[in-house]
C-alpha atoms as a PDB file:
ATOM      1  CA  MET A   1     -19.415  23.634   3.789  1.00  0.00           C
ATOM      2  CA  ILE A   2     -18.510  26.380   5.616  1.00  0.00           C
ATOM      3  CA  GLU A   3     -18.483  30.487   5.356  1.00  0.00           C
ATOM      4  CA  PRO A   4     -15.592  31.571   2.995  1.00  0.00           C
ATOM      5  CA  THR A   5     -13.942  33.965   5.464  1.00  0.00           C
ATOM      6  CA  GLY A   6     -13.845  30.948   8.219  1.00  0.00           C
ATOM      7  CA  GLN A   7     -10.936  29.759   9.436  1.00  0.00           C
ATOM      8  CA  LEU A   8     -10.333  26.000  10.533  1.00  0.00           C
ATOM      9  CA  ARG A   9      -7.677  24.397  12.965  1.00  0.00           C
ATOM     10  CA  LEU A  10      -5.035  21.495  11.523  1.00  0.00           C
ATOM     11  CA  HIS A  11      -3.060  20.036  14.016  1.00  0.00           C
ATOM     12  CA  ILE A  12      -0.706  17.439  12.418  1.00  0.00           C
ATOM     13  CA  GLN A  13       1.085  14.485  14.765  1.00  0.00           C
ATOM     14  CA  ASN A  14       4.106  13.181  13.711  1.00  0.00           C
ATOM     15  CA  PRO A  15       5.036  10.010  15.425  1.00  0.00           C
ATOM     16  CA  ALA A  16       7.425  10.601  18.369  1.00  0.00           C
ATOM     17  CA  ASP A  17      10.301   8.379  16.975  1.00  0.00           C
ATOM     18  CA  GLU A  18      10.121   9.183  13.458  1.00  0.00           C
ATOM     19  CA  LYS A  19      13.381  10.225  11.825  1.00  0.00           C
ATOM     20  CA  ILE A  20      12.823   9.854   7.636  1.00  0.00           C
ATOM     21  CA  PHE A  21       8.911  10.748   6.890  1.00  0.00           C
ATOM     22  CA  LEU A  22       8.508  13.678   9.427  1.00  0.00           C
ATOM     23  CA  ILE A  23       6.111  16.382   8.041  1.00  0.00           C
ATOM     24  CA  THR A  24       8.144  19.155   9.321  1.00  0.00           C
ATOM     25  CA  ASP A  25       6.961  22.891   9.370  1.00  0.00           C
ATOM     26  CA  ALA A  26       9.142  23.443   6.123  1.00  0.00           C
ATOM     27  CA  ILE A  27       7.860  20.230   4.164  1.00  0.00           C
ATOM     28  CA  TRP A  28       3.872  21.975   5.585  1.00  0.00           C
ATOM     29  CA  GLN A  29       4.770  25.237   3.986  1.00  0.00           C
ATOM     30  CA  ALA A  30       5.928  24.413   0.530  1.00  0.00           C
ATOM     31  CA  ALA A  31       3.277  21.969   0.640  1.00  0.00           C
ATOM     32  CA  ALA A  32       0.581  25.840   1.580  1.00  0.00           C
ATOM     33  CA  ASN A  33       2.170  27.330  -1.216  1.00  0.00           C
ATOM     34  CA  ARG A  34       1.882  25.558  -3.665  1.00  0.00           C
ATOM     35  CA  HIS A  35      -1.777  25.180  -2.558  1.00  0.00           C
ATOM     36  CA  PRO A  36      -1.901  28.848  -1.043  1.00  0.00           C
ATOM     37  CA  GLU A  37      -5.959  29.279  -1.482  1.00  0.00           C
ATOM     38  CA  VAL A  38      -6.604  26.566   0.394  1.00  0.00           C
ATOM     39  CA  ALA A  39      -4.372  26.900   2.857  1.00  0.00           C
ATOM     40  CA  LYS A  40      -4.796  30.138   3.937  1.00  0.00           C
ATOM     41  CA  ARG A  41      -8.112  28.611   5.683  1.00  0.00           C
ATOM     42  CA  LEU A  42      -5.846  26.643   7.651  1.00  0.00           C
ATOM     43  CA  VAL A  43      -4.311  27.396  11.257  1.00  0.00           C
ATOM     44  CA  VAL A  44      -1.841  24.464  11.514  1.00  0.00           C
ATOM     45  CA  SER A  45      -0.183  23.087  14.691  1.00  0.00           C
ATOM     46  CA  ASN A  46       2.688  20.574  14.581  1.00  0.00           C
ATOM     47  CA  GLY A  47       3.338  17.899  17.452  1.00  0.00           C
ATOM     48  CA  ARG A  48       5.187  14.720  18.366  1.00  0.00           C
ATOM     49  CA  THR A  49       4.622  13.973  21.754  1.00  0.00           C
ATOM     50  CA  GLU A  50       1.600  12.974  23.639  1.00  0.00           C
ATOM     51  CA  ALA A  51       1.553  15.867  25.476  1.00  0.00           C
ATOM     52  CA  GLU A  52       1.110  18.353  22.076  1.00  0.00           C
ATOM     53  CA  PHE A  53      -1.229  15.958  20.741  1.00  0.00           C
ATOM     54  CA  HIS A  54      -3.283  16.300  23.947  1.00  0.00           C
ATOM     55  CA  ALA A  55      -3.053  19.951  23.920  1.00  0.00           C
ATOM     56  CA  ALA A  56      -4.009  20.516  19.981  1.00  0.00           C
ATOM     57  CA  ILE A  57      -6.885  17.627  19.324  1.00  0.00           C
ATOM     58  CA  GLY A  58      -9.855  19.477  21.634  1.00  0.00           C
ATOM     59  CA  SER A  59      -9.916  22.172  19.535  1.00  0.00           C
ATOM     60  CA  ALA A  60      -8.923  20.683  16.306  1.00  0.00           C
ATOM     61  CA  ASP A  61     -11.272  20.873  12.920  1.00  0.00           C
ATOM     62  CA  LEU A  62      -8.747  18.179  11.268  1.00  0.00           C
ATOM     63  CA  LEU A  63      -6.077  15.995  11.902  1.00  0.00           C
ATOM     64  CA  ILE A  64      -2.987  15.047   9.855  1.00  0.00           C
ATOM     65  CA  SER A  65      -1.255  11.902  11.359  1.00  0.00           C
ATOM     66  CA  TRP A  66      -0.173   8.144  10.722  1.00  0.00           C
ATOM     67  CA  THR A  67      -2.234   4.999  11.516  1.00  0.00           C
ATOM     68  CA  GLY A  68      -0.276   4.053  14.203  1.00  0.00           C
ATOM     69  CA  VAL A  69      -0.786   7.368  16.156  1.00  0.00           C
ATOM     70  CA  VAL A  70      -4.384   7.390  15.586  1.00  0.00           C
ATOM     71  CA  ARG A  71      -4.797   3.601  16.490  1.00  0.00           C
ATOM     72  CA  ALA A  72      -2.669   4.686  20.180  1.00  0.00           C
ATOM     73  CA  LEU A  73      -3.938   8.151  20.859  1.00  0.00           C
ATOM     74  CA  PHE A  74      -8.385   7.475  20.139  1.00  0.00           C
ATOM     75  CA  PRO A  75     -10.335   7.099  21.282  1.00  0.00           C
ATOM     76  CA  THR A  76     -10.341  10.643  22.529  1.00  0.00           C
ATOM     77  CA  ASN A  77     -11.794  13.912  23.484  1.00  0.00           C
ATOM     78  CA  ALA A  78     -12.254  15.515  19.754  1.00  0.00           C
ATOM     79  CA  PRO A  79     -15.502  17.113  19.668  1.00  0.00           C
ATOM     80  CA  LYS A  80     -15.042  19.111  16.824  1.00  0.00           C
ATOM     81  CA  LEU A  81     -12.637  17.110  14.103  1.00  0.00           C
ATOM     82  CA  LYS A  82     -14.588  16.356  11.090  1.00  0.00           C
ATOM     83  CA  ILE A  83     -11.472  15.424   8.890  1.00  0.00           C
ATOM     84  CA  ILE A  84      -8.755  12.598  10.045  1.00  0.00           C
ATOM     85  CA  PHE A  85      -6.293  12.501   6.453  1.00  0.00           C
ATOM     86  CA  CYS A  86      -3.395   9.994   7.593  1.00  0.00           C
ATOM     87  CA  THR A  87      -0.039   9.149   5.327  1.00  0.00           C
ATOM     88  CA  SER A  88      -0.728   6.308   4.805  1.00  0.00           C
ATOM     89  CA  ALA A  89      -2.661   3.642   1.576  1.00  0.00           C
ATOM     90  CA  GLY A  90      -4.438   1.227   3.798  1.00  0.00           C
ATOM     91  CA  LEU A  91      -5.490   1.926   6.818  1.00  0.00           C
ATOM     92  CA  ASP A  92      -6.381  -1.551   7.952  1.00  0.00           C
ATOM     93  CA  ARG A  93      -4.944  -1.373  11.528  1.00  0.00           C
ATOM     94  CA  LEU A  94      -7.686   0.778  11.909  1.00  0.00           C
ATOM     95  CA  ALA A  95     -10.400  -1.688  11.405  1.00  0.00           C
ATOM     96  CA  PRO A  96     -12.927  -1.984  12.354  1.00  0.00           C
ATOM     97  CA  PHE A  97     -12.759   2.133  12.528  1.00  0.00           C
ATOM     98  CA  ASP A  98     -14.624   2.512  16.234  1.00  0.00           C
ATOM     99  CA  LEU A  99     -11.779   4.283  18.031  1.00  0.00           C
ATOM    100  CA  LEU A 100     -12.848   7.442  15.830  1.00  0.00           C
ATOM    101  CA  PRO A 101     -15.451  10.122  16.799  1.00  0.00           C
ATOM    102  CA  PRO A 102     -18.940   9.779  15.446  1.00  0.00           C
ATOM    103  CA  GLY A 103     -19.210  11.783  11.613  1.00  0.00           C
ATOM    104  CA  CYS A 104     -15.616  11.864  11.536  1.00  0.00           C
ATOM    105  CA  ALA A 105     -14.490  11.984   7.586  1.00  0.00           C
ATOM    106  CA  LEU A 106     -10.916   9.494   7.350  1.00  0.00           C
ATOM    107  CA  LEU A 107      -9.047   9.772   4.403  1.00  0.00           C
ATOM    108  CA  ASN A 108      -5.918   7.995   2.747  1.00  0.00           C
ATOM    109  CA  ASN A 109      -3.236   9.356   0.909  1.00  0.00           C
ATOM    110  CA  SER A 110      -4.185   6.669  -2.009  1.00  0.00           C
ATOM    111  CA  GLY A 111      -2.226   8.335  -5.355  1.00  0.00           C
ATOM    112  CA  VAL A 112       1.064   8.935  -3.396  1.00  0.00           C
ATOM    113  CA  HIS A 113       3.406   5.428  -3.947  1.00  0.00           C
ATOM    114  CA  GLY A 114       2.275   4.475  -7.849  1.00  0.00           C
ATOM    115  CA  PRO A 115       5.445   5.814  -9.267  1.00  0.00           C
ATOM    116  CA  LYS A 116       7.984   4.320  -6.607  1.00  0.00           C
ATOM    117  CA  ALA A 117       5.849   1.034  -6.475  1.00  0.00           C
ATOM    118  CA  GLY A 118       6.228   1.080 -10.136  1.00  0.00           C
ATOM    119  CA  GLU A 119       9.937   0.494 -10.209  1.00  0.00           C
ATOM    120  CA  TRP A 120       9.555  -1.371  -7.806  1.00  0.00           C
ATOM    121  CA  GLY A 121       6.857  -3.801  -8.992  1.00  0.00           C
ATOM    122  CA  LEU A 122       8.820  -4.023 -12.365  1.00  0.00           C
ATOM    123  CA  MET A 123      12.139  -4.806 -10.914  1.00  0.00           C
ATOM    124  CA  ALA A 124      10.383  -7.556  -8.873  1.00  0.00           C
ATOM    125  CA  ILE A 125       9.124  -8.978 -11.986  1.00  0.00           C
ATOM    126  CA  LEU A 126      12.001  -9.178 -13.709  1.00  0.00           C
ATOM    127  CA  MET A 127      14.513 -10.641 -10.806  1.00  0.00           C
ATOM    128  CA  LEU A 128      11.584 -13.515 -11.019  1.00  0.00           C
ATOM    129  CA  ALA A 129      12.132 -13.707 -14.922  1.00  0.00           C
ATOM    130  CA  ASN A 130      15.914 -13.867 -14.545  1.00  0.00           C
ATOM    131  CA  HIS A 131      15.933 -16.834 -11.637  1.00  0.00           C
ATOM    132  CA  MET A 132      17.158 -13.996  -9.481  1.00  0.00           C
ATOM    133  CA  PRO A 133      15.639 -15.573  -6.277  1.00  0.00           C
ATOM    134  CA  LEU A 134      16.677 -18.722  -7.388  1.00  0.00           C
ATOM    135  CA  PHE A 135      20.337 -17.718  -7.626  1.00  0.00           C
ATOM    136  CA  ALA A 136      20.443 -15.643  -4.571  1.00  0.00           C
ATOM    137  CA  THR A 137      19.514 -19.404  -2.712  1.00  0.00           C
ATOM    138  CA  GLN A 138      22.452 -21.158  -5.135  1.00  0.00           C
ATOM    139  CA  GLN A 139      25.169 -18.343  -3.628  1.00  0.00           C
ATOM    140  CA  ARG A 140      23.919 -19.079   0.243  1.00  0.00           C
ATOM    141  CA  GLU A 141      24.606 -23.025  -0.974  1.00  0.00           C
ATOM    142  CA  ARG A 142      27.969 -22.095  -2.713  1.00  0.00           C
ATOM    143  CA  ARG A 143      26.544 -23.596  -5.847  1.00  0.00           C
ATOM    144  CA  TYR A 144      27.155 -22.444  -8.835  1.00  0.00           C
ATOM    145  CA  GLU A 145      24.479 -24.218 -11.503  1.00  0.00           C
ATOM    146  CA  LYS A 146      23.295 -22.304 -14.328  1.00  0.00           C
ATOM    147  CA  HIS A 147      19.603 -21.607 -14.927  1.00  0.00           C
ATOM    148  CA  PHE A 148      18.853 -19.436 -18.567  1.00  0.00           C
ATOM    149  CA  SER A 149      15.941 -17.344 -18.913  1.00  0.00           C
ATOM    150  CA  ARG A 150      13.598 -16.245 -22.036  1.00  0.00           C
ATOM    151  CA  VAL A 151      12.114 -12.312 -21.868  1.00  0.00           C
ATOM    152  CA  VAL A 152       9.070 -11.629 -20.658  1.00  0.00           C
ATOM    153  CA  ALA A 153       7.214 -10.495 -23.949  1.00  0.00           C
ATOM    154  CA  GLY A 154       4.274 -12.935 -24.242  1.00  0.00           C
ATOM    155  CA  GLN A 155       4.128 -13.878 -21.005  1.00  0.00           C
ATOM    156  CA  SER A 156       0.839 -13.515 -18.170  1.00  0.00           C
ATOM    157  CA  LEU A 157       1.287 -10.905 -15.129  1.00  0.00           C
ATOM    158  CA  LEU A 158      -1.544 -11.515 -13.181  1.00  0.00           C
ATOM    159  CA  ALA A 159      -3.236  -8.619 -11.265  1.00  0.00           C
ATOM    160  CA  LEU A 160      -4.779  -8.967  -7.634  1.00  0.00           C
ATOM    161  CA  GLY A 161      -5.397  -5.155  -7.340  1.00  0.00           C
ATOM    162  CA  VAL A 162      -5.556  -2.732 -10.149  1.00  0.00           C
ATOM    163  CA  GLY A 163      -5.538   0.391  -8.111  1.00  0.00           C
ATOM    164  CA  ASP A 164      -2.715   3.143  -7.969  1.00  0.00           C
ATOM    165  CA  MET A 165      -0.065   0.824  -6.480  1.00  0.00           C
ATOM    166  CA  ALA A 166      -0.207  -1.166  -9.253  1.00  0.00           C
ATOM    167  CA  GLY A 167      -0.504   1.126 -12.020  1.00  0.00           C
ATOM    168  CA  HIS A 168       2.450   1.817 -12.937  1.00  0.00           C
ATOM    169  CA  THR A 169       4.092  -1.592 -12.777  1.00  0.00           C
ATOM    170  CA  LEU A 170       0.943  -2.707 -15.234  1.00  0.00           C
ATOM    171  CA  ASP A 171       2.031  -0.037 -17.451  1.00  0.00           C
ATOM    172  CA  TYR A 172       5.132  -1.032 -17.776  1.00  0.00           C
ATOM    173  CA  ALA A 173       4.580  -4.791 -17.864  1.00  0.00           C
ATOM    174  CA  ARG A 174       2.741  -3.933 -21.328  1.00  0.00           C
ATOM    175  CA  ARG A 175       4.943  -1.717 -22.913  1.00  0.00           C
ATOM    176  CA  LEU A 176       7.452  -5.108 -21.743  1.00  0.00           C
ATOM    177  CA  GLY A 177       4.981  -7.214 -24.230  1.00  0.00           C
ATOM    178  CA  MET A 178       3.403  -8.534 -21.261  1.00  0.00           C
ATOM    179  CA  LYS A 179      -0.097  -9.844 -21.614  1.00  0.00           C
ATOM    180  CA  VAL A 180      -1.841  -8.349 -17.833  1.00  0.00           C
ATOM    181  CA  ILE A 181      -4.805  -9.759 -16.272  1.00  0.00           C
ATOM    182  CA  GLY A 182      -6.105  -7.604 -13.654  1.00  0.00           C
ATOM    183  CA  VAL A 183      -8.552  -8.980 -10.903  1.00  0.00           C
ATOM    184  CA  ARG A 184     -10.900  -6.474  -8.992  1.00  0.00           C
ATOM    185  CA  ASN A 185     -14.075  -6.483  -7.618  1.00  0.00           C
ATOM    186  CA  ARG A 186     -15.579  -4.389  -9.876  1.00  0.00           C
ATOM    187  CA  VAL A 187     -15.238  -5.564 -13.198  1.00  0.00           C
ATOM    188  CA  ALA A 188     -14.353  -2.527 -15.434  1.00  0.00           C
ATOM    189  CA  THR A 189     -11.618  -2.199 -18.073  1.00  0.00           C
ATOM    190  CA  HIS A 190      -7.890  -1.138 -17.039  1.00  0.00           C
ATOM    191  CA  PRO A 191      -6.471   1.127 -19.403  1.00  0.00           C
ATOM    192  CA  HIS A 192      -2.892  -1.484 -18.092  1.00  0.00           C
ATOM    193  CA  CYS A 193      -5.168  -4.219 -18.060  1.00  0.00           C
ATOM    194  CA  ASP A 194      -5.807  -6.793 -21.459  1.00  0.00           C
ATOM    195  CA  GLU A 195      -8.831  -8.693 -19.107  1.00  0.00           C
ATOM    196  CA  VAL A 196     -10.286  -7.687 -15.841  1.00  0.00           C
ATOM    197  CA  VAL A 197     -12.144 -10.583 -14.473  1.00  0.00           C
ATOM    198  CA  GLY A 198     -13.947 -10.120 -10.639  1.00  0.00           C
ATOM    199  CA  LEU A 199     -12.657 -11.233  -7.411  1.00  0.00           C
ATOM    200  CA  ALA A 200     -14.925 -14.520  -8.043  1.00  0.00           C
ATOM    201  CA  GLN A 201     -12.939 -15.850 -10.766  1.00  0.00           C
ATOM    202  CA  LEU A 202      -9.627 -15.563  -9.457  1.00  0.00           C
ATOM    203  CA  ASP A 203      -9.270 -19.198  -9.239  1.00  0.00           C
ATOM    204  CA  ALA A 204     -10.079 -19.817 -12.714  1.00  0.00           C
ATOM    205  CA  VAL A 205      -7.141 -17.102 -13.926  1.00  0.00           C
ATOM    206  CA  LEU A 206      -4.351 -18.105 -11.363  1.00  0.00           C
ATOM    207  CA  PRO A 207      -3.432 -21.094 -13.460  1.00  0.00           C
ATOM    208  CA  ARG A 208      -2.760 -19.035 -16.313  1.00  0.00           C
ATOM    209  CA  ALA A 209      -0.148 -16.711 -14.270  1.00  0.00           C
ATOM    210  CA  ASP A 210       3.317 -16.431 -14.834  1.00  0.00           C
ATOM    211  CA  TYR A 211       3.517 -13.818 -12.342  1.00  0.00           C
ATOM    212  CA  LEU A 212       0.999 -13.084  -9.312  1.00  0.00           C
ATOM    213  CA  LEU A 213       1.648  -9.371  -8.475  1.00  0.00           C
ATOM    214  CA  ILE A 214      -0.739  -8.483  -4.908  1.00  0.00           C
ATOM    215  CA  THR A 215      -1.473  -5.258  -3.984  1.00  0.00           C
ATOM    216  CA  CYS A 216      -5.226  -4.976  -3.135  1.00  0.00           C
ATOM    217  CA  PRO A 217      -6.001  -3.554   0.716  1.00  0.00           C
ATOM    218  CA  LEU A 218      -6.431  -6.020   3.041  1.00  0.00           C
ATOM    219  CA  THR A 219      -9.903  -6.417   4.492  1.00  0.00           C
ATOM    220  CA  PRO A 220     -11.965  -9.076   5.563  1.00  0.00           C
ATOM    221  CA  GLN A 221     -13.102 -10.340   2.331  1.00  0.00           C
ATOM    222  CA  THR A 222      -8.716 -10.250   0.902  1.00  0.00           C
ATOM    223  CA  ARG A 223      -7.271 -11.558   4.702  1.00  0.00           C
ATOM    224  CA  GLY A 224      -6.119 -14.930   4.020  1.00  0.00           C
ATOM    225  CA  LEU A 225      -7.311 -14.834   0.169  1.00  0.00           C
ATOM    226  CA  LEU A 226      -4.298 -16.555  -1.003  1.00  0.00           C
ATOM    227  CA  ASP A 227      -4.530 -19.922   0.682  1.00  0.00           C
ATOM    228  CA  ARG A 228      -3.055 -23.469   0.398  1.00  0.00           C
ATOM    229  CA  ARG A 229      -5.577 -24.424  -2.135  1.00  0.00           C
ATOM    230  CA  ARG A 230      -5.277 -21.587  -4.460  1.00  0.00           C
ATOM    231  CA  LEU A 231      -1.638 -21.377  -4.047  1.00  0.00           C
ATOM    232  CA  ALA A 232      -1.700 -24.876  -5.555  1.00  0.00           C
ATOM    233  CA  LEU A 233      -3.760 -23.495  -8.612  1.00  0.00           C
ATOM    234  CA  LEU A 234      -0.436 -21.657  -9.755  1.00  0.00           C
ATOM    235  CA  LYS A 235       2.114 -22.872 -11.939  1.00  0.00           C
ATOM    236  CA  PRO A 236       5.108 -24.880 -10.266  1.00  0.00           C
ATOM    237  CA  SER A 237       7.009 -22.018 -12.564  1.00  0.00           C
ATOM    238  CA  ALA A 238       5.017 -18.595 -11.535  1.00  0.00           C
ATOM    239  CA  GLY A 239       6.991 -16.084  -9.308  1.00  0.00           C
ATOM    240  CA  LEU A 240       4.959 -14.324  -6.849  1.00  0.00           C
ATOM    241  CA  ILE A 241       4.997 -10.623  -5.744  1.00  0.00           C
ATOM    242  CA  ASN A 242       3.258  -9.344  -2.198  1.00  0.00           C
ATOM    243  CA  MET A 243       3.803  -5.233  -1.940  1.00  0.00           C
ATOM    244  CA  ALA A 244       0.285  -5.192  -0.793  1.00  0.00           C
ATOM    245  CA  ARG A 245       0.125  -6.956   3.109  1.00  0.00           C
ATOM    246  CA  GLY A 246       1.255  -9.882   4.891  1.00  0.00           C
ATOM    247  CA  ALA A 247      -1.527 -11.477   5.413  1.00  0.00           C
ATOM    248  CA  ILE A 248      -3.605 -11.518   2.637  1.00  0.00           C
ATOM    249  CA  VAL A 249      -0.944 -14.806   1.771  1.00  0.00           C
ATOM    250  CA  ASP A 250      -1.001 -17.767   3.943  1.00  0.00           C
ATOM    251  CA  GLN A 251       2.925 -17.370   4.345  1.00  0.00           C
ATOM    252  CA  ASP A 252       3.603 -20.867   6.069  1.00  0.00           C
ATOM    253  CA  ALA A 253       1.919 -22.604   2.719  1.00  0.00           C
ATOM    254  CA  LEU A 254       4.183 -19.876   0.779  1.00  0.00           C
ATOM    255  CA  CYS A 255       6.891 -21.255   2.195  1.00  0.00           C
ATOM    256  CA  ASP A 256       6.099 -24.696   1.799  1.00  0.00           C
ATOM    257  CA  GLN A 257       5.611 -24.608  -1.934  1.00  0.00           C
ATOM    258  CA  LEU A 258       8.972 -22.492  -2.536  1.00  0.00           C
ATOM    259  CA  ASP A 259      10.692 -25.202   0.043  1.00  0.00           C
ATOM    260  CA  ARG A 260       9.376 -28.414  -2.484  1.00  0.00           C
ATOM    261  CA  GLY A 261      10.104 -26.536  -5.266  1.00  0.00           C
ATOM    262  CA  ALA A 262       6.414 -26.221  -6.127  1.00  0.00           C
ATOM    263  CA  LEU A 263       6.549 -22.373  -6.993  1.00  0.00           C
ATOM    264  CA  GLY A 264       9.426 -20.439  -9.304  1.00  0.00           C
ATOM    265  CA  GLY A 265      10.195 -17.963  -6.496  1.00  0.00           C
ATOM    266  CA  ALA A 266       8.863 -14.994  -4.639  1.00  0.00           C
ATOM    267  CA  VAL A 267       9.312 -11.224  -3.570  1.00  0.00           C
ATOM    268  CA  LEU A 268       8.031 -10.131  -0.439  1.00  0.00           C
ATOM    269  CA  ASP A 269       7.891  -6.940   0.930  1.00  0.00           C
ATOM    270  CA  VAL A 270       4.999  -7.443   3.674  1.00  0.00           C
ATOM    271  CA  PHE A 271       5.101 -10.557   6.068  1.00  0.00           C
ATOM    272  CA  THR A 272       2.427 -11.533   8.566  1.00  0.00           C
ATOM    273  CA  THR A 273       4.114 -10.094  11.838  1.00  0.00           C
ATOM    274  CA  GLU A 274       6.514  -6.952  11.061  1.00  0.00           C
ATOM    275  CA  PRO A 275       9.104  -6.663  11.521  1.00  0.00           C
ATOM    276  CA  LEU A 276       9.879 -10.408  10.811  1.00  0.00           C
ATOM    277  CA  PRO A 277      10.816 -12.228  13.484  1.00  0.00           C
ATOM    278  CA  PRO A 278      14.262 -13.279  13.757  1.00  0.00           C
ATOM    279  CA  ASP A 279      13.489 -17.302  14.440  1.00  0.00           C
ATOM    280  CA  SER A 280      10.896 -17.019  10.937  1.00  0.00           C
ATOM    281  CA  ARG A 281      11.044 -19.113   8.642  1.00  0.00           C
ATOM    282  CA  VAL A 282      10.955 -16.459   5.727  1.00  0.00           C
ATOM    283  CA  TRP A 283      14.528 -15.985   6.399  1.00  0.00           C
ATOM    284  CA  THR A 284      15.999 -19.440   5.092  1.00  0.00           C
ATOM    285  CA  THR A 285      13.235 -20.270   2.513  1.00  0.00           C
ATOM    286  CA  ARG A 286      14.377 -20.643  -0.437  1.00  0.00           C
ATOM    287  CA  ASN A 287      14.153 -19.067  -3.562  1.00  0.00           C
ATOM    288  CA  LEU A 288      12.907 -16.118  -1.624  1.00  0.00           C
ATOM    289  CA  VAL A 289      13.998 -12.284  -2.059  1.00  0.00           C
ATOM    290  CA  MET A 290      12.917 -10.343   0.846  1.00  0.00           C
ATOM    291  CA  ALA A 291      12.798  -6.949   1.218  1.00  0.00           C
ATOM    292  CA  PRO A 292      11.260  -5.085   5.295  1.00  0.00           C
ATOM    293  CA  HIS A 293       8.277  -3.138   3.670  1.00  0.00           C
ATOM    294  CA  VAL A 294      10.042  -0.551   1.718  1.00  0.00           C
ATOM    295  CA  SER A 295       9.097  -0.924  -1.979  1.00  0.00           C
ATOM    296  CA  SER A 296       6.537   1.959  -2.342  1.00  0.00           C
ATOM    297  CA  ASP A 297       8.138   4.571   0.082  1.00  0.00           C
ATOM    298  CA  ASP A 298      10.098   7.546  -1.585  1.00  0.00           C
ATOM    299  CA  PRO A 299      11.532   9.761   0.952  1.00  0.00           C
ATOM    300  CA  GLU A 300      12.033  12.650  -0.742  1.00  0.00           C
ATOM    301  CA  SER A 301       8.617  12.708  -2.614  1.00  0.00           C
ATOM    302  CA  TYR A 302       5.941  10.666   0.159  1.00  0.00           C
ATOM    303  CA  ASN A 303       5.278  13.573   2.345  1.00  0.00           C
ATOM    304  CA  PRO A 304       5.138  16.413  -0.325  1.00  0.00           C
ATOM    305  CA  ARG A 305       2.776  14.137  -2.713  1.00  0.00           C
ATOM    306  CA  SER A 306       0.551  13.698   0.505  1.00  0.00           C
ATOM    307  CA  LEU A 307      -0.091  16.612   1.628  1.00  0.00           C
ATOM    308  CA  ASP A 308      -0.468  17.672  -2.212  1.00  0.00           C
ATOM    309  CA  ILE A 309      -3.415  15.056  -2.049  1.00  0.00           C
ATOM    310  CA  PHE A 310      -4.726  16.298   1.722  1.00  0.00           C
ATOM    311  CA  PHE A 311      -4.881  19.809  -0.379  1.00  0.00           C
ATOM    312  CA  ARG A 312      -7.016  17.965  -3.247  1.00  0.00           C
ATOM    313  CA  ASN A 313      -9.401  16.817  -0.901  1.00  0.00           C
ATOM    314  CA  PHE A 314      -9.786  19.652   1.565  1.00  0.00           C
ATOM    315  CA  GLY A 315     -10.239  21.748  -1.210  1.00  0.00           C
ATOM    316  CA  MET A 316     -13.092  19.658  -2.466  1.00  0.00           C
ATOM    317  CA  TRP A 317     -14.636  19.718   1.531  1.00  0.00           C
ATOM    318  CA  LEU A 318     -14.661  23.365   1.471  1.00  0.00           C
ATOM    319  CA  ASP A 319     -16.924  23.139  -1.716  1.00  0.00           C
ATOM    320  CA  GLY A 320     -19.423  20.897  -0.571  1.00  0.00           C
ATOM    321  CA  LYS A 321     -17.833  17.957  -2.806  1.00  0.00           C
ATOM    322  CA  PRO A 322     -17.086  14.509  -2.266  1.00  0.00           C
ATOM    323  CA  MET A 323     -13.536  13.571  -1.725  1.00  0.00           C
ATOM    324  CA  PRO A 324     -11.727  11.316  -3.480  1.00  0.00           C
ATOM    325  CA  ASN A 325      -9.752   9.947  -0.415  1.00  0.00           C
ATOM    326  CA  MET A 326     -12.162   9.320   1.504  1.00  0.00           C
ATOM    327  CA  ILE A 327     -12.494   5.575   3.369  1.00  0.00           C
ATOM    328  CA  ASP A 328     -15.798   3.896   3.667  1.00  0.00           C
ATOM    329  CA  VAL A 329     -15.403   2.257   6.989  1.00  0.00           C
ATOM    330  CA  LYS A 330     -18.032  -0.518   5.594  1.00  0.00           C
ATOM    331  CA  THR A 331     -15.334  -1.624   3.342  1.00  0.00           C
ATOM    332  CA  GLY A 332     -12.042  -0.497   4.379  1.00  0.00           C
ATOM    333  CA  TYR A 333     -11.193   1.185   1.426  1.00  0.00           C
END
C-alpha cells in the first residue's frame, strides 16, 4: 500500500505489429474516466517500439502488455516494477515465469472473454448437434446425404474447466435443457452445473458426454490431458469443442478418431501449433470445423473490459487487498 498522495508510473506496451487490439490513448482515457479516483494515481506512457519500452520500463511501477511482448522483452532491468497486467486469460506462454522481476505480481484479464466465448461455445454445440462438421465434409466431397438430428434438451455437456470462459456457454446450455457436468480441480458447486466432479474423475465422466467443451488453462497438469486413451472413452457420436489451448488435446489422436468415424465431430479454435501450418492434417480431417483462434475476442469490448479489470485490481492493491486476477506462478493460473 502506498501513501494516498503518491503517484505511480504505468507503461502500456502495445505489440509493434498490432492493428486490431491496440490500447490507444483514447481507449485508455475512456477507461480512466470510468475509474477517476484510481486513475488519478497514475502517470501513463504508451509505446509500441522496443526503444519506447526500454525508455519507460526502468522507472515503471506497473506494466500493461501482451504475453508475447512480455515473453520477448523480459528479463529486463525493471527495478521498480510491482505489477504486470497481461491482456490474456491464459498466461502459459510465460511459464515457468522465471522471466519476471522478483516479487512482481502477474495478473491476467480473466473475466473479459465470457460473453463472446458464451456465444461461440453455444454456436459450436448447436453445429455439432446438427451435424454441420459432417455436412461441411460432405460439401467438399460433393455428396448430398441426409443426416437428421434431435434437439439438445436432455443431452449431456461435459465442461472441462468451468471458469469465466465457460460460464456463459454453460448457462445457455442449461436454458436449452441440457445436463451440464463440470470438471474442475476444486470440487465445489457451480451455478450452471448440475454436477461437478474433480479432475481425478475425468475418466468416469467422459463416456457420459454427448459434447465435451474444453476451456481449462494449459498447465503441466492439463498438457496432453485428452490423450489417445481418454479420447477413446468418448461416445462414437460425441462432439468435441476446444476453446482453450491446442496442447491439452492429442491433436493427431483426435484427427485419427474423426477420420475413421469414431467421433461425431469437432469444432476447434486452438491448435498445437499456431498459426496452423499449411501441411497440417487438421485442414483435411473429416467432420472437423476450425477457426483461427478467434472464439473469445470481441474487438469492440476486449480492451475496455480488460482495462476495467486492471483498474479493479489496481484499486484493491492500493487498499492493501488481494487482487483477484493475480496468477499463482506455482500452478500457472
